[in-house]
Amino acid sequence: MKQMQWLNEPDQWRIDGDSLEMGVTGKTDFWRKTHYGFTVDDGPFGYCILGGEFEVSVQLTGKYRTRYDQMGIMIRINEQIWIKSGIEYVDGVQNVSAVVTHGHSDWSVITLDSAPESIWIKAVRRLEAIEVSYSFDGSDYKMMRLCYFPDNCAVMVGMMGASPDGDGFNARFDHFRIVHLPDQRRLDWLES
């Protein structure tokens, strides 16, 4: 992970080939104000910094245990402007989830009919927008969210986890890739 940095580094993590295994820290989250009235910014987030237009994707496999256990990708400018998207476990059910934050967080979910072992998440940043999609096989993606996000600035892009109500869980991120658009240069920074 030559280019990776941590915000809130977890106690346990390791790289195995192109996989990141993380012991998601318990009692952590990313959220700002809306509905719940609190602000937290203490979940583990491994990231690199880049600018321009890009596509980021990753395969998510989690051993979810407690309500609100979550893992996915995050695109972040600072503690007030960010997006996280992935799986969030609520009342025993996996949901594809996206939280978009511009001072206040919002939350959208798609409840899954089954509990897949893994799911793929992809986000594409073009101009002032980010499109988030999910897939069960890594090739057939369905769009779940299109939202505003400031352009012309560098962002932190990477993998996040949180366990607001629990004591943490084991998360595995496979095949994390960032592709710059439109020139298609690929960044593979999960390398041994």
Foldseek 3Di string as FASTA:
>chain_A
DVQKDKQQAAPDWDFDALKIKDFKAAQADAFAQPPVGDGGDRTIWIWGKDAAKKKKKWKKAWPDDDAQWDKAKKKFDDSQFIKGWDWTAHPNWTWTKMWGGRNHIDIDTDTDPDDQRMKMWMWTDDAQKIWIWIGNPVPDTDTDDIDGHHHPDMIIIGMTIYHNPDRTTMMMIGDIWMAHPPVRDIDRPSHD
